[in-house]
Protein backbone atom coordinates (compact mmCIF):
# COMPACT_ATOMS: atom_id res chain seq x y z
CA MET A 1 -4.33 7.09 -52.92
CA LEU A 2 -5.65 7.04 -49.36
CA ALA A 3 -5.14 10.81 -49.17
CA ASN A 4 -7.99 11.21 -51.69
CA ALA A 5 -10.38 8.87 -49.87
CA ASN A 6 -13.60 10.25 -48.43
CA ASP A 7 -16.82 9.16 -46.78
CA SER A 8 -19.21 6.98 -48.84
CA MET A 9 -16.50 5.48 -51.05
CA VAL A 10 -16.82 1.68 -51.20
CA LEU A 11 -13.80 -0.63 -51.14
CA ALA A 12 -13.39 -2.69 -54.30
CA LYS A 13 -10.68 -4.98 -52.84
CA ASP A 14 -9.70 -6.23 -49.38
CA VAL A 15 -7.15 -4.06 -47.58
CA LEU A 16 -4.27 -5.96 -45.96
CA ASP A 17 -1.68 -4.82 -43.42
CA ASN A 18 2.06 -5.49 -43.79
CA SER A 19 1.67 -8.99 -42.30
CA GLY A 20 -1.10 -9.96 -44.72
CA ARG A 21 -3.90 -9.66 -42.17
CA VAL A 22 -7.21 -8.32 -43.55
CA LEU A 23 -7.98 -4.89 -42.13
CA LEU A 24 -11.10 -4.17 -44.18
CA THR A 25 -12.97 -6.37 -46.63
CA ALA A 26 -14.23 -5.45 -50.09
CA GLY A 27 -17.68 -3.89 -50.03
CA VAL A 28 -17.17 -1.87 -46.84
CA THR A 29 -18.24 1.79 -47.06
CA LEU A 30 -15.52 4.15 -45.85
CA ARG A 31 -16.21 6.24 -42.76
CA PRO A 32 -13.93 8.63 -40.82
CA GLU A 33 -13.10 5.88 -38.32
CA THR A 34 -12.21 3.36 -41.05
CA ILE A 35 -10.03 5.91 -42.85
CA GLY A 36 -8.34 6.58 -39.50
CA LEU A 37 -7.71 2.85 -39.07
CA LEU A 38 -6.04 2.68 -42.47
CA ARG A 39 -3.82 5.65 -41.69
CA LYS A 40 -2.88 4.08 -38.36
CA HIS A 41 -1.66 1.00 -40.22
CA GLN A 42 0.19 3.19 -42.73
CA VAL A 43 -1.89 2.07 -45.70
CA VAL A 44 -0.93 4.28 -48.65
CA SER A 45 -3.38 3.27 -51.38
CA ILE A 46 -6.71 1.45 -51.69
CA TRP A 47 -9.03 0.27 -54.45
CA VAL A 48 -12.51 1.79 -54.45
CA LYS A 49 -15.54 1.23 -56.62
CA ASP A 50 -16.35 3.79 -59.25
CA LYS A 51 -19.04 6.14 -57.97
CA TYR A 52 -21.23 5.36 -60.93
CA ASP A 53 -20.83 1.63 -61.52
CA SER A 54 -20.75 1.11 -65.28
CA ARG A 55 -22.33 -2.32 -64.81
CA ASN A 56 -25.37 -0.87 -63.10
CA ARG A 57 -28.75 -0.91 -64.83
CA GLU A 58 -31.83 1.04 -63.79
CA ILE A 59 -34.66 -1.45 -64.30
CA THR A 60 -38.44 -1.31 -63.95
CA SER A 61 -39.03 -5.07 -63.89
CA ILE A 62 -37.00 -7.99 -62.59
CA GLN A 63 -36.71 -11.37 -64.23
CA ASN A 64 -37.90 -14.30 -62.12
CA LEU A 65 -35.20 -16.62 -60.81
CA THR A 66 -36.90 -19.47 -62.68
CA CYS A 67 -39.78 -19.92 -65.08
CA ALA A 68 -43.02 -21.48 -63.81
CA ALA A 69 -42.29 -24.82 -65.50
CA THR A 70 -38.90 -25.18 -63.80
CA ARG A 71 -40.29 -24.16 -60.42
CA LEU A 72 -43.12 -26.70 -60.77
CA LYS A 73 -40.60 -29.40 -61.68
CA LEU A 74 -38.54 -28.61 -58.59
CA ILE A 75 -41.58 -28.60 -56.30
CA TYR A 76 -42.84 -31.87 -57.80
CA ASN A 77 -39.52 -33.64 -57.28
CA VAL A 78 -38.95 -32.21 -53.79
CA GLN A 79 -42.42 -33.35 -52.76
CA ASN A 80 -41.85 -36.83 -54.15
CA ALA A 81 -38.37 -37.11 -52.64
CA PHE A 82 -39.66 -36.02 -49.22
CA SER A 83 -42.73 -38.28 -49.39
CA ASN A 84 -41.21 -41.47 -50.88
CA HIS A 85 -38.10 -42.30 -48.91
CA GLU A 86 -37.63 -45.62 -50.69
CA LYS A 87 -37.42 -43.82 -54.07
CA PHE A 88 -35.39 -40.88 -52.79
CA SER A 89 -32.41 -41.64 -55.05
CA VAL A 90 -34.58 -41.52 -58.17
CA TYR A 91 -35.86 -38.02 -57.44
CA LEU A 92 -32.41 -36.93 -56.28
CA THR A 93 -31.08 -37.47 -59.80
CA GLU A 94 -33.87 -35.38 -61.29
CA LEU A 95 -33.31 -32.58 -58.77
CA GLN A 96 -29.60 -32.52 -59.59
CA GLN A 97 -30.38 -32.15 -63.29
CA VAL A 98 -32.87 -29.32 -62.77
CA ILE A 99 -30.58 -27.43 -60.37
CA THR A 100 -27.70 -27.72 -62.84
CA GLN A 101 -29.97 -26.24 -65.52
CA VAL A 102 -30.99 -23.38 -63.20
CA VAL A 103 -27.34 -22.56 -62.40
CA CYS A 104 -26.43 -22.52 -66.09
CA GLU A 105 -29.34 -20.21 -66.92
CA LEU A 106 -28.65 -17.79 -64.05
CA SER A 107 -24.92 -17.70 -64.82
CA ALA A 108 -25.71 -16.46 -68.33
CA ARG A 109 -27.68 -13.44 -67.07
CA GLU A 110 -26.33 -9.93 -66.80
CA TYR A 111 -27.60 -9.70 -63.21
CA VAL A 112 -29.49 -11.89 -60.73
CA LEU A 113 -31.76 -10.41 -58.06
CA ILE A 114 -34.07 -11.85 -55.40
CA TYR A 115 -37.40 -10.07 -55.84
CA LEU A 116 -40.51 -11.22 -54.00
CA ASN A 117 -42.78 -10.65 -56.96
CA ASP A 118 -41.16 -13.87 -58.16
CA ILE A 119 -43.51 -16.61 -59.39
CA GLN A 120 -45.60 -18.00 -56.54
CA ILE A 121 -47.18 -21.42 -57.02
CA LYS A 122 -49.62 -22.83 -54.48
CA SER A 123 -47.94 -25.69 -52.66
CA GLU A 124 -47.41 -27.03 -49.16
CA TYR A 125 -45.08 -24.70 -47.27
CA LEU A 126 -42.27 -27.22 -46.73
CA PHE A 127 -41.88 -27.94 -50.44
CA MET A 128 -42.17 -24.34 -51.61
CA HIS A 129 -39.81 -23.19 -48.85
CA SER A 130 -37.24 -25.80 -49.84
CA VAL A 131 -37.31 -24.66 -53.47
CA ASN A 132 -37.07 -20.97 -52.52
CA VAL A 133 -34.12 -21.57 -50.21
CA GLY A 134 -32.31 -23.48 -52.95
CA LEU A 135 -32.83 -20.68 -55.47
CA PHE A 136 -32.00 -17.88 -53.01
CA ALA A 137 -28.82 -19.69 -51.92
CA ILE A 138 -27.68 -19.94 -55.54
CA ALA A 139 -28.26 -16.19 -56.02
CA ILE A 140 -26.24 -15.35 -52.89
CA GLY A 141 -23.49 -17.73 -53.95
CA MET A 142 -23.29 -16.05 -57.35
CA ALA A 143 -22.85 -12.67 -55.64
CA MET A 144 -19.97 -14.23 -53.71
CA GLY A 145 -18.33 -15.36 -56.95
CA LEU A 146 -18.59 -19.10 -56.26
CA GLU A 147 -17.80 -21.58 -59.01
CA GLU A 148 -20.49 -23.59 -60.81
CA GLU A 149 -19.83 -26.77 -58.79
CA GLU A 150 -20.43 -24.98 -55.48
CA LEU A 151 -23.51 -23.21 -56.84
CA ILE A 152 -25.03 -26.57 -57.77
CA LEU A 153 -24.18 -27.92 -54.32
CA LEU A 154 -25.79 -24.81 -52.77
CA GLY A 155 -28.96 -25.41 -54.77
CA MET A 156 -29.09 -29.03 -53.66
CA GLY A 157 -28.33 -28.08 -50.07
CA GLY A 158 -31.16 -25.56 -50.09
CA LEU A 159 -33.61 -28.05 -51.55
CA LEU A 160 -32.72 -30.69 -48.94
CA HIS A 161 -31.92 -28.56 -45.89
CA ASP A 162 -35.25 -29.35 -44.21
CA TYR A 163 -35.43 -33.01 -45.23
CA GLY A 164 -35.45 -33.97 -41.56
CA LYS A 165 -38.82 -32.25 -41.09
CA THR A 166 -40.43 -35.19 -42.88
CA ARG A 167 -39.97 -37.01 -39.55
CA VAL A 168 -41.48 -34.23 -37.40
CA PRO A 169 -45.22 -34.66 -36.69
CA PRO A 170 -47.24 -32.38 -39.05
CA GLN A 171 -49.44 -31.18 -36.19
CA ILE A 172 -46.33 -29.62 -34.68
CA LEU A 173 -44.96 -28.17 -37.95
CA ASN A 174 -48.34 -26.62 -38.81
CA LYS A 175 -49.41 -25.63 -35.30
CA ASN A 176 -51.45 -22.42 -35.24
CA GLY A 177 -49.79 -20.85 -32.24
CA PRO A 178 -46.59 -20.89 -30.18
CA LEU A 179 -44.85 -24.21 -29.68
CA SER A 180 -44.35 -25.70 -26.23
CA TRP A 181 -40.78 -26.30 -25.12
CA LYS A 182 -41.15 -30.02 -25.82
CA GLU A 183 -42.54 -29.32 -29.31
CA PHE A 184 -39.76 -26.86 -30.06
CA CYS A 185 -37.17 -29.45 -29.06
CA GLN A 186 -38.81 -31.90 -31.48
CA VAL A 187 -38.59 -29.36 -34.31
CA LYS A 188 -34.93 -28.67 -33.52
CA GLU A 189 -34.17 -32.34 -34.05
CA HIS A 190 -34.87 -32.02 -37.79
CA ALA A 191 -31.34 -30.84 -38.56
CA ALA A 192 -29.67 -33.94 -37.12
CA ILE A 193 -32.41 -36.22 -38.45
CA GLY A 194 -32.02 -34.83 -41.95
CA TYR A 195 -28.25 -35.27 -41.81
CA ASN A 196 -28.55 -38.87 -40.67
CA LEU A 197 -31.05 -39.66 -43.43
CA LEU A 198 -28.97 -37.99 -46.14
CA ARG A 199 -25.81 -39.63 -44.85
CA LEU A 200 -27.18 -42.93 -46.16
CA GLU A 201 -27.08 -41.57 -49.72
CA GLU A 202 -23.57 -42.41 -50.91
CA ARG A 203 -23.97 -40.48 -54.18
CA LEU A 204 -24.80 -37.26 -52.36
CA ASP A 205 -21.88 -34.88 -51.75
CA HIS A 206 -20.98 -34.59 -48.05
CA ARG A 207 -21.30 -30.78 -48.25
CA VAL A 208 -25.02 -31.09 -49.05
CA LYS A 209 -25.41 -33.25 -45.94
CA LEU A 210 -23.55 -30.66 -43.85
CA MET A 211 -25.92 -27.92 -45.04
CA ALA A 212 -28.84 -29.96 -43.69
CA LEU A 213 -27.01 -30.44 -40.40
CA GLN A 214 -25.67 -26.90 -39.87
CA HIS A 215 -28.19 -24.46 -41.37
CA HIS A 216 -29.41 -23.52 -37.86
CA GLU A 217 -25.95 -23.05 -36.37
CA ARG A 218 -25.04 -19.46 -35.47
CA CYS A 219 -21.74 -17.61 -35.63
CA ASP A 220 -21.98 -16.88 -31.88
CA GLY A 221 -22.44 -20.56 -30.97
CA ARG A 222 -26.07 -20.24 -29.89
CA GLY A 223 -27.47 -22.34 -32.72
CA TYR A 224 -28.22 -26.04 -32.98
CA PRO A 225 -27.71 -29.00 -33.05
CA TRP A 226 -24.04 -28.67 -31.98
CA GLY A 227 -23.69 -25.02 -30.94
CA ILE A 228 -20.56 -24.58 -33.04
CA THR A 229 -19.15 -21.16 -33.98
CA GLY A 230 -17.58 -19.19 -36.82
CA SER A 231 -15.14 -21.21 -38.89
CA GLU A 232 -16.52 -24.49 -37.51
CA ILE A 233 -19.64 -23.95 -39.62
CA HIS A 234 -19.27 -24.93 -43.27
CA PRO A 235 -19.24 -21.84 -45.55
CA LEU A 236 -22.07 -23.21 -47.71
CA ALA A 237 -24.21 -23.84 -44.62
CA LYS A 238 -23.78 -20.16 -43.68
CA ILE A 239 -25.30 -19.21 -47.04
CA VAL A 240 -28.25 -21.58 -46.66
CA ALA A 241 -28.83 -20.15 -43.17
CA VAL A 242 -29.43 -16.65 -44.59
CA ALA A 243 -31.58 -17.91 -47.47
CA ASP A 244 -33.62 -20.02 -45.02
CA VAL A 245 -34.40 -17.15 -42.65
CA TYR A 246 -35.19 -14.69 -45.45
CA ASP A 247 -37.74 -16.99 -47.07
CA ALA A 248 -39.27 -17.92 -43.71
CA LEU A 249 -39.71 -14.26 -42.71
CA THR A 250 -41.24 -13.22 -46.05
CA THR A 251 -43.74 -16.09 -46.30
CA ASP A 252 -47.20 -16.26 -44.69
CA ARG A 253 -47.36 -18.89 -41.95
CA VAL A 254 -50.31 -20.27 -40.01
CA TYR A 255 -49.10 -18.47 -36.88
CA ARG A 256 -48.06 -15.10 -38.37
CA PRO A 257 -48.29 -12.98 -41.54
CA ARG A 258 -45.26 -12.47 -43.76
CA MET A 259 -42.92 -9.52 -43.37
CA GLU A 260 -42.15 -7.03 -46.10
CA PRO A 261 -38.78 -7.61 -47.80
CA TYR A 262 -37.17 -4.47 -46.33
CA GLN A 263 -38.17 -5.58 -42.82
CA ALA A 264 -36.71 -9.08 -43.29
CA ILE A 265 -33.52 -7.68 -44.83
CA ALA A 266 -33.11 -5.33 -41.84
CA ILE A 267 -33.46 -8.25 -39.40
CA ILE A 268 -30.84 -10.27 -41.26
CA ASN A 269 -28.43 -7.33 -41.22
CA GLN A 270 -28.98 -6.91 -37.49
CA GLY A 271 -27.81 -10.51 -37.10
CA ILE A 272 -24.37 -9.94 -38.63
CA GLY A 273 -21.67 -11.43 -36.43
CA SER A 274 -24.11 -13.05 -34.01
CA GLN A 275 -26.42 -15.19 -36.13
CA PHE A 276 -25.04 -14.68 -39.64
CA ASP A 277 -21.68 -14.43 -41.36
CA GLU A 278 -20.84 -10.87 -42.45
CA VAL A 279 -19.47 -11.86 -45.87
CA VAL A 280 -22.63 -13.83 -46.66
CA VAL A 281 -24.93 -11.00 -45.59
CA ARG A 282 -22.94 -8.51 -47.66
CA ALA A 283 -23.47 -10.74 -50.72
CA PHE A 284 -27.14 -11.14 -49.80
CA ASN A 285 -27.50 -7.34 -49.76
CA GLN A 286 -26.18 -7.23 -53.33
CA VAL A 287 -29.03 -9.41 -54.65
CA ALA A 288 -31.98 -8.94 -52.29
CA VAL A 289 -34.39 -6.19 -53.40
CA PRO A 290 -35.96 -4.55 -50.33
CA TYR A 291 -38.47 -2.29 -52.12
CA ASN A 292 -40.99 -3.28 -54.75
CA ILE A 293 -41.64 -1.10 -57.77
CA GLY A 294 -44.49 1.21 -56.74
CA ASN A 295 -43.71 1.25 -53.01
CA VAL A 296 -44.48 4.70 -51.57
CA VAL A 297 -41.62 5.80 -49.31
CA THR A 298 -40.53 8.77 -47.23
CA LEU A 299 -36.96 10.06 -47.33
CA ASP A 300 -34.93 11.58 -44.50
CA ASN A 301 -34.83 14.90 -46.39
CA GLY A 302 -38.59 15.24 -45.85
CA LEU A 303 -39.67 14.25 -49.36
CA ARG A 304 -42.16 11.51 -50.17
CA GLY A 305 -42.10 9.51 -53.37
CA ALA A 306 -42.60 6.20 -55.14
CA VAL A 307 -39.98 3.65 -56.16
CA ILE A 308 -39.91 3.65 -59.96
CA ARG A 309 -36.66 1.85 -60.81
CA ILE A 310 -34.21 -0.55 -59.16
CA ASN A 311 -30.43 -0.18 -59.45
CA THR A 312 -29.06 -3.64 -60.19
CA SER A 313 -25.71 -3.04 -58.47
CA GLN A 314 -27.27 -1.46 -55.34
CA PRO A 315 -30.87 -2.74 -55.03
CA ALA A 316 -31.32 -1.04 -51.64
CA ARG A 317 -30.72 2.36 -53.32
CA PRO A 318 -33.56 2.67 -55.87
CA VAL A 319 -34.71 5.54 -58.04
CA VAL A 320 -37.55 7.37 -56.29
CA TRP A 321 -39.95 9.75 -58.01
CA THR A 322 -40.66 12.78 -55.79
CA GLU A 323 -42.47 16.08 -56.27
CA GLN A 324 -39.06 17.50 -57.20
CA GLY A 325 -38.50 14.85 -59.84
CA PRO A 326 -36.57 11.55 -59.81
CA LEU A 327 -33.89 10.93 -57.20
CA ASN A 328 -31.44 8.10 -57.80
CA LEU A 329 -30.39 7.17 -54.26
CA MET A 330 -27.37 5.35 -55.63
CA HIS A 331 -26.02 8.80 -56.53
CA GLU A 332 -27.31 10.49 -53.35
CA PRO A 333 -25.45 8.79 -50.47
CA ASP A 334 -26.71 11.31 -47.91
CA ILE A 335 -30.41 10.63 -48.62
CA ASN A 336 -32.03 7.52 -47.22
CA ILE A 337 -35.42 5.83 -47.17
CA VAL A 338 -36.80 5.98 -43.63
CA THR A 339 -40.30 4.51 -43.99
CA VAL A 340 -42.42 2.55 -46.44
CA ILE A 341 -46.04 3.68 -46.47
């Protein structure tokens, strides 16, 4: 019953008004103003998540998204597909098979998390980035409850989203410093170039081609190449957009060092509604782990501690060991991490 609702409860299902319009979406944390909105619309009852999610696990290590052999196979085939345009179709078949295997393996797991202690293999940035974006997109799609077919398409879309960069001069892609306006315009062309190249592949699903075209579009219309908004952007492209930015921010580049996961996650959340789709970011937050095991943090109650366990259902609310003992932030909604030391 709504009368029993209070701050910090999390909606388990969308709340609709009498006309079927969505007032609040699942995953939103209740606040006084949201409870007031529900009362204004005469909502009587809501579904909320159990305070202590029975599916949650407190874990001290996180399984990699893929094993080293599978990651190497993906990198090898992406590199060959990007470097040998005349044999692109051959490597496309292999990539499809590997991505299907990855989706099957991840779907069988109890939980899937994006953790940046994941296997790192030395490779040229473009190829490693493409593989990471494919894997991250699958993880986000799983959090959104997508079916296997769409997860496979997401993986392929992530792998091929930057295919157009094979036609951008390497001295621009790897420039150690800010790009000129002319150089930036050349880089921006990769989305349309990639789409036009992939469009020639008749066996490739059109949604994969759209992910290459639209992964730099923004919800507010300030993206490229078309400057389209909201519902005009394909839903799968919105997922690849988040995966793309997260990997880019958390990877060392020639012109800047990588960000820490919690910093990159904060930037993505700041882009909700302007750059990124809210539903996608909410799913991203369910799988992206902002704090590594061992991170020393300070809390807003004045305590300092170290992250010792991750909650699988709320990775941003870990278990922190303090001088007063362990604090599970999933069970302490009024205590927050304010800094990472």
